Amino acid sequence: AGTWEERNLNTWATSRIK
């Protein structure tokens, strides 16, 4: 974790789940 990809995927996943 730390790269923009991980952060982007995390944010995208959270948005999808919500």
C-alpha atoms as a PDB file:
ATOM      1  CA  ALA A   1       0.000   0.000   0.000  1.00  0.00           C
ATOM      2  CA  GLY A   2       1.105   3.516  -0.698  1.00  0.00           C
ATOM      3  CA  THR A   3       1.147   3.640  -4.474  1.00  0.00           C
ATOM      4  CA  TRP A   4      -1.480   5.675  -6.297  1.00  0.00           C
ATOM      5  CA  GLU A   5      -2.819   2.452  -7.779  1.00  0.00           C
ATOM      6  CA  GLU A   6      -3.502   0.888  -4.381  1.00  0.00           C
ATOM      7  CA  ARG A   7      -5.093   4.111  -3.127  1.00  0.00           C
ATOM      8  CA  ASN A   8      -7.186   4.463  -6.283  1.00  0.00           C
ATOM      9  CA  LEU A   9      -8.377   0.861  -6.128  1.00  0.00           C
ATOM     10  CA  ASN A  10      -9.172   1.215  -2.447  1.00  0.00           C
ATOM     11  CA  THR A  11     -11.217   4.359  -3.005  1.00  0.00           C
ATOM     12  CA  TRP A  12     -12.956   2.845  -6.028  1.00  0.00           C
ATOM     13  CA  ALA A  13     -13.779  -0.336  -4.122  1.00  0.00           C
ATOM     14  CA  THR A  14     -15.138   1.601  -1.160  1.00  0.00           C
ATOM     15  CA  SER A  15     -17.319   3.687  -3.445  1.00  0.00           C
ATOM     16  CA  ARG A  16     -18.593   0.540  -5.165  1.00  0.00           C
ATOM     17  CA  ILE A  17     -19.365  -1.216  -1.878  1.00  0.00           C
ATOM     18  CA  LYS A  18     -21.178   1.780  -0.403  1.00  0.00           C
END
